Structures are given as C-alpha cells and as structure tokens.
C-alpha cells in the first residue's frame, strides 16, 4: 500500500511533534534555568514551564528529596563544645563523612520539585577532639513550617523566602 504525499507529510509532522514533546521530558532541570545563590550555601534554581513555556505539554514529575533537611531551628541548637553524639541527635546522621577528615561532617540537602525548581543547602560541622568547634552554612535556612508548606505546596513560593521571626534563645 502506497502512502499519498499529503499522508507522508502528515506522518512526518506527527513524528517531529512527538519527538519535540518527548524531548522535553528528558531535559535536565538544570538546563535553561535561572538560579539564585546566597553566600550561606542555600541555593534555589527555578525551572521554566514545559515545551515552549507551555505547562500542559510537560510530563508529570514527582518531587525528589535527597539528603538531610536541616532547619533554622536545628542549627540554632548547635553550641560549641557539643559532643558528636549530641550533634547527631540534633541534626541527624550526616550525609557525608570523609575517612580522611573524620572531624568534618556534611549535611547536604537537595529538593527537586516537580515544576523544575531545585532547592539545595549545605551545612558543614567541624569537630576538634570530638567536640563541636564550629559550623558553616545555615544562615538562611527555612524553618520547619516553611519547609512543610514548601513540600506540601500550600504556599506557592515558600522558598527562598525565609522567616524574619527571630528564634527564641535556648536556655543555657
């Protein structure tokens, strides 16, 4: 059976359109995105819409969370002189521990939202003689309630906005 010339053109156009639509599903979220990074290690990368900016041509994506979420409240509990067990209790088990730098723990967090927005943060904790000496990062982290609203989607742009409410000083 031979195809008519107009049928061939239609079939070719459908193949090109299918390739374009399926191609947007394989793009990396880091492609064609604007990013905003702060000096404290929290970075938000906002993604664009679907094909040609049309959201209805974007395949369904799930939120992907990797690493340790560390909130503003958690970092506020850190005090120099804490033991490794106390830091592990407050922040959780570190994502990265280095065999050659056993006195340094890394708490790295990445959240890739279904709209292509990438939120990442990093908190580094340094020990000296198994006691907390200092920590880096965590100056502009979200609070736990801001994080929950961000993953639940109840607040459209919960990041990078963070609470201006000061945390109550912990009792000494």
Protein backbone atom coordinates (compact mmCIF):
# COMPACT_ATOMS: atom_id res chain seq x y z
CA UNK A 1 0.00 0.00 0.00
CA UNK A 2 1.46 3.37 -1.01
CA UNK A 3 1.05 6.50 1.03
CA UNK A 4 -0.11 9.65 -0.65
CA UNK A 5 2.28 12.62 -0.49
CA UNK A 6 -0.03 14.51 1.91
CA UNK A 7 -0.16 11.46 4.20
CA UNK A 8 3.63 11.32 4.26
CA UNK A 9 3.84 14.97 5.23
CA UNK A 10 1.26 14.44 7.98
CA UNK A 11 3.12 11.38 9.29
CA UNK A 12 6.43 13.29 9.24
CA UNK A 13 4.85 16.23 11.08
CA UNK A 14 3.44 13.88 13.75
CA UNK A 15 6.84 12.23 14.22
CA UNK A 16 8.55 15.62 14.63
CA UNK A 17 5.90 16.80 17.11
CA UNK A 18 6.20 13.55 19.10
CA UNK A 19 9.98 13.92 19.24
CA UNK A 20 9.72 17.52 20.46
CA UNK A 21 7.18 16.68 23.17
CA UNK A 22 9.07 13.62 24.43
CA UNK A 23 12.36 15.52 24.30
CA UNK A 24 11.23 17.97 26.97
CA UNK A 25 10.79 15.07 29.41
CA UNK A 26 14.45 14.11 29.13
CA UNK A 27 15.95 17.55 29.70
CA UNK A 28 17.91 18.11 32.85
CA UNK A 29 16.24 20.51 35.27
CA UNK A 30 19.46 22.48 35.36
CA UNK A 31 19.09 23.34 31.65
CA UNK A 32 17.64 26.76 30.84
CA UNK A 33 17.10 27.82 34.42
CA UNK A 34 17.77 30.95 36.37
CA UNK A 35 19.44 30.48 39.72
CA UNK A 36 19.85 32.48 42.85
CA UNK A 37 22.52 31.53 45.32
CA UNK A 38 23.27 33.06 48.64
CA UNK A 39 26.62 33.14 50.39
CA UNK A 40 25.46 30.70 53.08
CA UNK A 41 25.05 27.68 50.82
CA UNK A 42 21.28 27.78 50.22
CA UNK A 43 20.56 27.80 46.52
CA UNK A 44 17.26 27.94 44.65
CA UNK A 45 17.10 27.21 40.93
CA UNK A 46 13.76 27.93 39.32
CA UNK A 47 12.74 25.95 36.24
CA UNK A 48 10.77 27.06 33.24
CA UNK A 49 7.50 25.63 32.02
CA UNK A 50 7.12 22.84 29.51
CA UNK A 51 7.80 22.86 25.80
CA UNK A 52 7.92 26.47 24.55
CA UNK A 53 6.84 27.59 28.03
CA UNK A 54 3.55 25.68 27.85
CA UNK A 55 2.95 23.80 31.09
CA UNK A 56 0.33 21.45 29.65
CA UNK A 57 2.99 19.77 27.46
CA UNK A 58 5.11 18.81 30.48
CA UNK A 59 5.01 15.19 31.68
CA UNK A 60 4.12 14.50 35.31
CA UNK A 61 7.09 14.61 37.66
CA UNK A 62 7.38 13.82 41.35
CA UNK A 63 9.27 15.80 43.97
CA UNK A 64 12.67 14.24 44.67
CA UNK A 65 14.26 14.85 48.07
CA UNK A 66 17.82 13.79 48.78
CA UNK A 67 19.99 14.30 51.81
CA UNK A 68 19.40 15.69 55.26
CA UNK A 69 16.96 18.55 55.73
CA UNK A 70 18.42 20.91 58.33
CA UNK A 71 16.11 23.67 59.56
CA UNK A 72 16.83 27.04 61.13
CA UNK A 73 15.63 25.65 64.47
CA UNK A 74 18.08 22.75 64.30
CA UNK A 75 21.09 24.99 63.59
CA UNK A 76 20.05 27.32 66.44
CA UNK A 77 20.52 24.41 68.87
CA UNK A 78 24.21 23.91 67.95
CA UNK A 79 26.69 25.11 70.55
CA UNK A 80 30.49 24.86 70.57
CA UNK A 81 31.63 22.07 72.87
CA UNK A 82 28.80 19.64 71.99
CA UNK A 83 29.84 16.01 71.52
CA UNK A 84 29.42 14.16 68.23
CA UNK A 85 26.50 12.21 69.73
CA UNK A 86 24.76 15.44 70.70
CA UNK A 87 25.23 16.91 67.22
CA UNK A 88 23.95 13.67 65.68
CA UNK A 89 20.88 13.89 67.95
CA UNK A 90 20.16 17.48 66.86
CA UNK A 91 20.95 17.27 63.13
CA UNK A 92 20.68 13.57 62.39
CA UNK A 93 23.24 11.27 60.84
CA UNK A 94 25.44 13.22 58.42
CA UNK A 95 25.07 12.53 54.72
CA UNK A 96 28.81 12.77 54.07
CA UNK A 97 31.63 11.72 56.36
CA UNK A 98 35.15 11.61 54.99
CA UNK A 99 37.59 8.92 56.02
CA UNK A 100 40.49 11.38 55.72
CA UNK A 101 38.64 14.22 57.51
CA UNK A 102 36.80 12.46 60.31
CA UNK A 103 36.38 15.74 62.18
CA UNK A 104 34.12 17.20 59.47
CA UNK A 105 30.51 16.25 58.78
CA UNK A 106 28.49 17.46 55.79
CA UNK A 107 24.73 17.85 55.84
CA UNK A 108 23.71 18.32 52.23
CA UNK A 109 20.13 18.66 51.04
CA UNK A 110 18.52 18.79 47.59
CA UNK A 111 14.83 19.06 46.74
CA UNK A 112 13.88 18.89 43.08
CA UNK A 113 10.27 19.98 42.81
CA UNK A 114 8.01 18.79 40.02
CA UNK A 115 7.99 22.27 38.47
CA UNK A 116 11.77 22.09 37.99
CA UNK A 117 12.67 24.26 40.98
CA UNK A 118 15.78 22.98 42.73
CA UNK A 119 16.41 23.88 46.37
CA UNK A 120 19.74 22.88 47.85
CA UNK A 121 21.58 23.69 51.05
CA UNK A 122 24.72 22.60 52.84
CA UNK A 123 25.77 22.74 56.47
CA UNK A 124 29.30 21.72 57.44
CA UNK A 125 30.09 20.80 61.03
CA UNK A 126 33.68 20.78 62.31
CA UNK A 127 34.94 18.97 65.40
CA UNK A 128 38.15 19.25 67.38
CA UNK A 129 38.97 16.45 69.81
CA UNK A 130 35.43 15.05 69.29
CA UNK A 131 33.79 18.33 70.40
CA UNK A 132 31.97 20.77 68.14
CA UNK A 133 34.33 23.58 67.21
CA UNK A 134 32.34 25.46 64.54
CA UNK A 135 29.79 25.05 61.77
CA UNK A 136 29.37 26.74 58.39
CA UNK A 137 26.21 27.43 56.42
CA UNK A 138 22.70 27.50 57.74
CA UNK A 139 22.35 31.28 57.99
CA UNK A 140 19.32 31.50 55.70
CA UNK A 141 17.72 28.07 56.08
CA UNK A 142 13.92 27.71 56.11
CA UNK A 143 12.08 26.94 59.31
CA UNK A 144 10.40 23.55 59.68
CA UNK A 145 6.95 25.05 58.99
CA UNK A 146 8.25 26.79 55.85
CA UNK A 147 9.71 23.51 54.65
CA UNK A 148 6.45 21.67 55.27
CA UNK A 149 4.48 24.28 53.36
CA UNK A 150 7.03 24.12 50.55
CA UNK A 151 6.77 20.35 50.09
CA UNK A 152 3.01 20.34 50.61
CA UNK A 153 2.57 23.06 48.02
CA UNK A 154 0.31 25.15 50.24
CA UNK A 155 2.45 28.23 49.69
CA UNK A 156 3.40 28.78 46.06
CA UNK A 157 6.85 30.28 46.62
CA UNK A 158 7.81 29.15 50.12
CA UNK A 159 11.48 29.28 49.13
CA UNK A 160 13.71 31.22 49.03
CA UNK A 161 11.73 33.41 51.39
CA UNK A 162 12.57 32.60 54.98
CA UNK A 163 11.05 33.71 58.21
CA UNK A 164 12.08 37.03 59.70
CA UNK A 165 10.88 35.84 63.09
CA UNK A 166 13.86 35.54 65.45
CA UNK A 167 14.27 32.26 67.23
CA UNK A 168 13.98 32.26 70.95
CA UNK A 169 17.37 31.84 72.59
CA UNK A 170 17.83 28.40 74.06
CA UNK A 171 18.26 28.11 77.82
CA UNK A 172 21.83 27.65 78.96
